[in-house]
Protein backbone atom coordinates (compact mmCIF):
# COMPACT_ATOMS: atom_id res chain seq x y z
CA MET A 1 0.00 0.00 0.00
CA ALA A 2 1.19 3.55 -0.80
CA ARG A 3 1.87 5.73 2.22
CA PHE A 4 0.47 8.89 0.66
CA GLN A 5 -3.17 9.14 -0.39
CA GLN A 6 -4.15 10.27 -3.91
CA ILE A 7 -7.23 12.33 -4.73
CA ARG A 8 -9.98 10.53 -6.60
CA LEU A 9 -10.89 12.05 -9.98
CA ASP A 10 -14.09 10.14 -10.65
CA GLY A 11 -16.14 13.03 -9.23
CA ILE A 12 -14.77 15.57 -11.71
CA THR A 13 -17.31 17.53 -13.77
CA THR A 14 -16.37 17.98 -17.43
CA ILE A 15 -17.75 20.31 -20.08
CA SER A 16 -18.06 20.08 -23.84
CA ILE A 17 -15.29 21.62 -25.95
CA HIS A 18 -18.13 23.20 -27.96
CA ASP A 19 -19.09 25.22 -24.89
CA ARG A 20 -15.55 26.04 -23.81
CA LYS A 21 -14.09 29.50 -24.52
CA SER A 22 -10.99 29.21 -26.74
CA LYS A 23 -8.57 31.91 -27.87
CA VAL A 24 -7.08 30.44 -31.05
CA GLN A 25 -8.76 29.29 -34.25
CA PRO A 26 -7.35 28.29 -37.64
CA LYS A 27 -8.07 31.80 -38.98
CA ASP A 28 -5.47 33.07 -36.47
CA PHE A 29 -2.73 30.72 -37.64
CA ALA A 30 0.28 31.84 -39.62
CA LYS A 31 -0.10 31.60 -43.39
CA VAL A 32 2.32 29.89 -45.72
CA ILE A 33 3.63 32.21 -48.43
CA ALA A 34 5.81 31.75 -51.48
CA PRO A 35 8.84 33.93 -50.63
CA GLU A 36 9.89 34.39 -54.26
CA ARG A 37 6.49 35.88 -55.16
CA ALA A 38 5.14 37.36 -51.93
CA SER A 39 5.06 41.09 -51.22
CA PHE A 40 6.01 42.55 -47.85
CA ARG A 41 2.31 43.21 -47.22
CA GLN A 42 1.63 39.50 -47.75
CA PHE A 43 4.44 38.65 -45.35
CA VAL A 44 2.99 40.90 -42.63
CA ASP A 45 -0.48 39.48 -43.23
CA SER A 46 0.96 35.97 -42.92
CA LEU A 47 2.10 36.52 -39.33
CA PRO A 48 -0.11 34.74 -36.80
CA HIS A 49 -2.82 36.82 -35.18
CA THR A 50 -1.81 36.17 -31.62
CA LEU A 51 0.38 37.41 -28.76
CA THR A 52 3.40 39.54 -29.74
CA ALA A 53 2.59 39.59 -33.46
CA ASN A 54 -0.71 41.26 -32.62
CA ASP A 55 1.01 43.59 -30.14
CA LEU A 56 3.39 44.73 -32.87
CA ARG A 57 0.45 45.44 -35.18
CA LEU A 58 -1.18 47.46 -32.40
CA VAL A 59 1.95 49.56 -31.82
CA VAL A 60 2.28 50.24 -35.55
CA ASP A 61 -1.38 51.29 -35.66
CA GLU A 62 -0.85 53.62 -32.69
CA ILE A 63 2.18 55.23 -34.34
CA VAL A 64 0.28 55.89 -37.56
CA ARG A 65 -2.79 57.10 -35.65
CA ALA A 66 -0.62 59.44 -33.58
CA ARG A 67 0.91 61.10 -36.62
CA ARG A 68 -2.46 61.47 -38.34
CA LYS A 69 -3.72 63.25 -35.22
CA ASN A 70 -0.53 65.32 -34.95
CA LYS A 71 0.48 63.62 -31.72
CA PRO A 72 4.13 63.00 -30.78
CA VAL A 73 6.06 59.87 -31.68
CA ILE A 74 9.24 59.96 -29.63
CA LEU A 75 12.14 57.61 -30.29
CA MET A 76 14.49 57.02 -27.37
CA MET A 77 17.59 55.00 -28.16
CA GLY A 78 20.89 53.63 -27.00
CA ALA A 79 24.14 53.36 -28.89
CA HIS A 80 23.77 49.75 -30.01
CA VAL A 81 21.00 50.76 -32.39
CA ILE A 82 23.55 52.69 -34.43
CA LYS A 83 26.29 50.08 -34.07
CA VAL A 84 24.15 47.45 -35.78
CA GLY A 85 23.66 49.62 -38.86
CA LEU A 86 20.23 51.20 -38.44
CA LEU A 87 21.09 54.83 -39.18
CA PRO A 88 19.49 54.87 -42.66
CA LEU A 89 16.18 53.54 -41.32
CA ILE A 90 16.01 56.03 -38.45
CA VAL A 91 16.87 58.89 -40.78
CA ASP A 92 14.17 57.76 -43.21
CA LEU A 93 11.51 57.82 -40.47
CA VAL A 94 12.68 61.28 -39.42
CA LYS A 95 12.44 62.54 -43.00
CA SER A 96 9.07 60.82 -43.44
CA GLY A 97 7.64 62.73 -40.50
CA VAL A 98 7.14 59.64 -38.32
CA PHE A 99 9.47 60.60 -35.47
CA THR A 100 8.75 63.96 -33.88
CA HIS A 101 11.63 63.75 -31.40
CA VAL A 102 14.75 61.58 -31.14
CA ALA A 103 16.35 61.30 -27.71
CA MET A 104 19.59 59.36 -27.27
CA ASN A 105 22.22 58.63 -24.69
CA SER A 106 25.58 60.28 -25.32
CA ALA A 107 27.17 57.04 -26.53
CA ALA A 108 24.70 57.07 -29.43
CA SER A 109 25.77 60.60 -30.31
CA ILE A 110 29.39 59.44 -30.41
CA HIS A 111 28.58 56.71 -32.93
CA ASP A 112 26.51 59.15 -34.97
CA VAL A 113 29.36 61.69 -35.07
CA GLU A 114 32.01 59.10 -35.92
CA SER A 115 29.88 57.62 -38.69
CA ALA A 116 29.15 61.05 -40.15
CA MET A 117 32.68 62.42 -39.90
CA TRP A 118 34.96 59.47 -40.57
CA GLY A 119 32.76 56.70 -41.92
CA HIS A 120 33.40 54.12 -39.20
CA THR A 121 32.63 53.57 -35.52
CA SER A 122 32.45 50.94 -32.74
CA GLU A 123 36.03 50.23 -31.74
CA ASP A 124 37.25 46.84 -30.52
CA VAL A 125 36.88 47.41 -26.79
CA ALA A 126 38.43 44.12 -25.67
CA ALA A 127 41.56 44.62 -27.74
CA ASN A 128 42.08 48.30 -26.96
CA LEU A 129 41.34 47.97 -23.25
CA MET A 130 44.44 45.82 -22.76
CA ASP A 131 46.91 48.63 -23.49
CA GLY A 132 44.85 51.57 -22.22
CA THR A 133 43.96 52.99 -25.63
CA PHE A 134 40.24 52.20 -25.42
CA GLY A 135 38.23 55.36 -25.98
CA MET A 136 41.26 57.51 -26.64
CA SER A 137 40.54 58.49 -30.24
CA LYS A 138 41.57 62.13 -30.19
CA GLU A 139 39.41 63.30 -33.07
CA THR A 140 36.20 62.06 -31.45
CA GLY A 141 36.94 63.69 -28.10
CA ASP A 142 38.07 66.95 -29.66
CA PHE A 143 35.02 67.18 -31.92
CA ILE A 144 32.41 66.61 -29.23
CA ASN A 145 34.02 68.20 -26.19
CA LYS A 146 35.16 71.35 -27.95
CA ALA A 147 31.77 71.76 -29.62
CA LEU A 148 30.07 71.59 -26.22
CA VAL A 149 32.44 74.10 -24.64
CA LYS A 150 31.88 76.52 -27.49
CA GLY A 151 28.15 75.91 -27.47
CA MET A 152 27.84 76.62 -23.76
CA THR A 153 28.91 80.24 -24.17
CA GLU A 154 27.94 81.09 -27.73
CA SER A 155 24.41 79.69 -27.97
CA ASP A 156 21.35 78.61 -26.01
CA ALA A 157 21.23 75.34 -27.97
CA GLY A 158 21.45 71.96 -26.32
CA TYR A 159 23.78 69.01 -26.82
CA GLY A 160 22.12 67.48 -29.88
CA GLU A 161 21.56 70.71 -31.75
CA THR A 162 25.14 71.84 -31.07
CA LEU A 163 26.65 68.66 -32.52
CA ALA A 164 24.29 68.78 -35.51
CA LYS A 165 25.31 72.33 -36.36
CA LYS A 166 29.00 71.44 -36.20
CA LEU A 167 28.56 68.42 -38.47
CA ILE A 168 26.77 70.64 -40.97
CA ALA A 169 29.34 73.43 -40.70
CA LEU A 170 32.19 70.99 -41.34
CA LYS A 171 30.27 69.32 -44.17
CA ALA A 172 30.78 65.88 -42.68
CA LYS A 173 31.13 63.48 -45.58
CA ASN A 174 28.42 61.10 -44.34
CA ARG A 175 26.14 63.72 -42.81
CA ARG A 176 23.17 62.48 -44.86
CA LEU A 177 23.24 59.37 -42.68
CA SER A 178 23.42 61.33 -39.43
CA ILE A 179 20.42 61.33 -37.10
CA LEU A 180 21.69 64.57 -35.55
CA VAL A 181 21.94 66.35 -38.90
CA ASN A 182 18.68 65.08 -40.35
CA CYS A 183 16.70 65.88 -37.23
CA TYR A 184 18.09 69.42 -37.18
CA GLU A 185 17.46 70.00 -40.88
CA HIS A 186 13.88 68.71 -40.65
CA GLY A 187 13.01 70.63 -37.51
CA VAL A 188 12.78 67.50 -35.34
CA PRO A 189 14.15 67.98 -31.81
CA VAL A 190 17.16 65.74 -31.21
CA THR A 191 18.45 65.50 -27.67
CA VAL A 192 21.48 63.90 -26.05
CA HIS A 193 21.35 62.83 -22.43
CA ALA A 194 24.77 62.33 -20.87
CA ALA A 195 25.74 60.53 -17.68
CA ILE A 196 29.21 61.84 -16.93
CA GLY A 197 31.78 59.07 -16.74
CA THR A 198 29.95 56.66 -19.03
CA ASP A 199 31.44 57.65 -22.38
CA ILE A 200 34.83 57.71 -24.05
CA VAL A 201 34.86 61.48 -24.56
CA HIS A 202 34.66 61.96 -20.78
CA GLN A 203 38.10 60.43 -20.21
CA GLN A 204 40.01 62.79 -22.48
CA PRO A 205 41.83 66.06 -21.66
CA THR A 206 39.30 68.14 -23.64
CA MET A 207 36.40 67.01 -21.43
CA ASP A 208 34.58 69.86 -19.68
CA GLY A 209 32.09 68.72 -17.07
CA ALA A 210 30.34 72.06 -16.89
CA ALA A 211 29.70 72.20 -20.64
CA THR A 212 28.63 68.56 -20.85
CA GLY A 213 26.26 68.97 -17.95
CA GLU A 214 24.81 72.29 -19.07
CA LEU A 215 24.06 71.22 -22.63
CA SER A 216 22.63 67.90 -21.51
CA PHE A 217 20.43 69.81 -19.03
CA ARG A 218 19.19 72.02 -21.84
CA ASP A 219 18.30 68.90 -23.80
CA PHE A 220 16.41 67.51 -20.81
CA LYS A 221 14.21 70.62 -20.96
CA VAL A 222 13.75 70.15 -24.71
CA LEU A 223 12.60 66.59 -24.06
CA VAL A 224 10.10 67.76 -21.43
CA HIS A 225 8.74 70.21 -24.00
CA SER A 226 7.99 67.25 -26.31
CA VAL A 227 6.73 64.92 -23.58
CA LYS A 228 4.17 67.48 -22.38
CA ASN A 229 2.25 66.95 -25.64
CA LEU A 230 1.57 63.26 -24.96
CA ILE A 231 -2.03 64.08 -24.19
CA GLY A 232 -4.71 61.62 -25.26
CA GLY A 233 -2.42 59.93 -27.73
CA GLY A 234 1.13 59.67 -28.96
CA VAL A 235 3.79 56.96 -28.76
CA VAL A 236 7.11 56.63 -26.95
CA LEU A 237 9.51 53.97 -28.24
CA ASN A 238 12.63 52.90 -26.37
CA PHE A 239 15.20 50.98 -28.39
CA GLY A 240 18.19 49.57 -26.56
CA SER A 241 18.61 51.90 -23.60
CA ALA A 242 18.41 49.85 -20.42
CA VAL A 243 19.00 52.62 -17.88
CA ILE A 244 19.62 56.18 -19.01
CA MET A 245 16.70 56.90 -21.33
CA PRO A 246 14.07 55.14 -19.17
CA GLU A 247 15.22 57.17 -16.17
CA VAL A 248 15.34 60.44 -18.11
CA PHE A 249 11.90 59.80 -19.61
CA LEU A 250 10.28 59.14 -16.23
CA LYS A 251 11.66 62.44 -14.87
CA ALA A 252 10.64 64.34 -18.00
CA LEU A 253 7.12 62.96 -17.66
CA THR A 254 6.78 63.91 -14.02
CA VAL A 255 8.06 67.44 -14.73
CA ALA A 256 5.47 67.83 -17.49
CA ARG A 257 2.69 66.63 -15.20
CA ASN A 258 3.93 68.78 -12.32
CA LEU A 259 3.69 71.82 -14.59
CA GLY A 260 0.04 71.01 -15.23
CA TYR A 261 0.18 69.21 -18.57
CA LYS A 262 -2.18 66.23 -18.78
CA ALA A 263 0.39 63.94 -20.35
CA LYS A 264 -1.64 60.73 -20.16
CA GLY A 265 -3.35 58.27 -22.47
CA PHE A 266 -0.38 57.48 -24.70
CA THR A 267 1.30 54.25 -25.81
CA THR A 268 4.81 53.08 -24.93
CA ALA A 269 6.89 50.22 -26.28
CA ASN A 270 10.28 48.93 -25.21
CA PHE A 271 12.43 46.98 -27.66
CA ASP A 272 15.54 45.20 -26.43
CA MET A 273 17.43 41.92 -26.54
CA LEU A 274 16.72 41.29 -22.85
CA ARG A 275 14.04 42.34 -20.41
CA HIS A 276 15.46 44.87 -17.96
CA TYR A 277 13.89 46.31 -14.84
CA ARG A 278 14.02 50.02 -15.64
CA PRO A 279 12.56 49.90 -19.16
CA GLN A 280 9.81 47.60 -17.92
CA MET A 281 8.90 49.90 -15.04
CA ASN A 282 9.82 53.35 -16.39
CA VAL A 283 8.70 52.92 -19.99
CA VAL A 284 6.16 50.11 -20.17
CA GLU A 285 4.31 50.14 -16.83
CA ARG A 286 4.51 53.31 -14.71
CA PRO A 287 3.96 56.00 -17.37
CA THR A 288 0.87 54.26 -18.77
CA GLN A 289 -0.80 53.14 -15.54
CA LYS A 290 -4.56 53.78 -15.54
CA PHE A 291 -4.25 55.64 -18.86
CA GLY A 292 -2.64 54.27 -22.02
CA ARG A 293 -0.90 51.00 -22.69
CA GLY A 294 2.66 49.69 -22.64
CA PHE A 295 4.30 46.89 -24.63
CA HIS A 296 7.57 45.00 -24.48
CA PHE A 297 9.25 43.31 -27.45
CA THR A 298 12.27 41.06 -26.99
CA GLY A 299 14.57 40.69 -29.98
CA HIS A 300 17.69 41.91 -31.71
CA HIS A 301 17.60 45.51 -32.91
CA GLU A 302 18.96 44.64 -36.34
CA ILE A 303 15.84 42.53 -36.89
CA MET A 304 13.16 44.26 -34.85
CA PHE A 305 13.77 47.83 -36.01
CA PRO A 306 13.75 47.05 -39.76
CA LEU A 307 10.55 45.05 -39.25
CA LEU A 308 8.90 47.86 -37.30
CA ALA A 309 10.04 50.53 -39.76
CA ALA A 310 8.78 48.58 -42.78
CA MET A 311 5.44 47.90 -41.10
CA ILE A 312 5.03 51.61 -40.32
CA LYS A 313 5.78 52.60 -43.92
CA LEU A 314 3.41 49.90 -45.17
CA ARG A 315 0.64 51.04 -42.84
CA MET A 316 1.09 54.65 -43.94
CA SER A 317 0.96 53.83 -47.64
CA PRO A 318 -2.33 53.45 -49.54
CA ARG A 319 -3.26 49.89 -50.48
């Protein structure tokens, strides 16, 4: 005899599957397509109508709806988005009027500047760290730090605008691929949010803490000016910033609300390779509580951003 008693199941009450509520039917399944003949629209339509695929459709719809209602669509981003080759797609969405504000950490601005000025970026950290040369590229430090020092005294412009103007003035050879330049030329606020000590330009002799802090503070106020318009619509996207942009956004939102702006009822979406605490709380959950809706998408930027961008362009185009 077994020592431990087992529950008897013969008293269980069952129901008919015909009466049971179910969430998935064949019409929701993915569709097989012929890749050599299918259009991108057919590919999107072939995705299953369930879970994250539906969430992505909803976010795309909210972005398009926001722009048609003249509501903000704010892109927040980390440096990795540039390192994996997405500059042309971001620039295209700026030029297409999709993004109304681009906010980045200062590492992203470094990659943007290096790509625009010299046509390459993303050094080999592991190799250069061994001999102490990591982050010591003189041209990068001189360009950014000296621009900020000059900008602090000669203009009221913030970090992003100051770098954009310098890239334009120097006729950077790849400036047409620069987020900073294209945002400035199309009247789209572009802001850089620095955390001193996190970036390679901070470790060089040209670094000026006062200038870096002042121009980043100006950009914080520019971001608040955009965030205050997230009233009854609008979208905030966070791509690849696990700490800085989620923290900056939460403070920008509370400043806007403290000043009396009813910044509620908007949509947020976080895209990253991993789920992190701050984006989940400060982008997806807290800003949209009671009003609005937040989403999280896990995947590599070099796949997720092109998919999102193409779906936005598709949704905006007539059938």
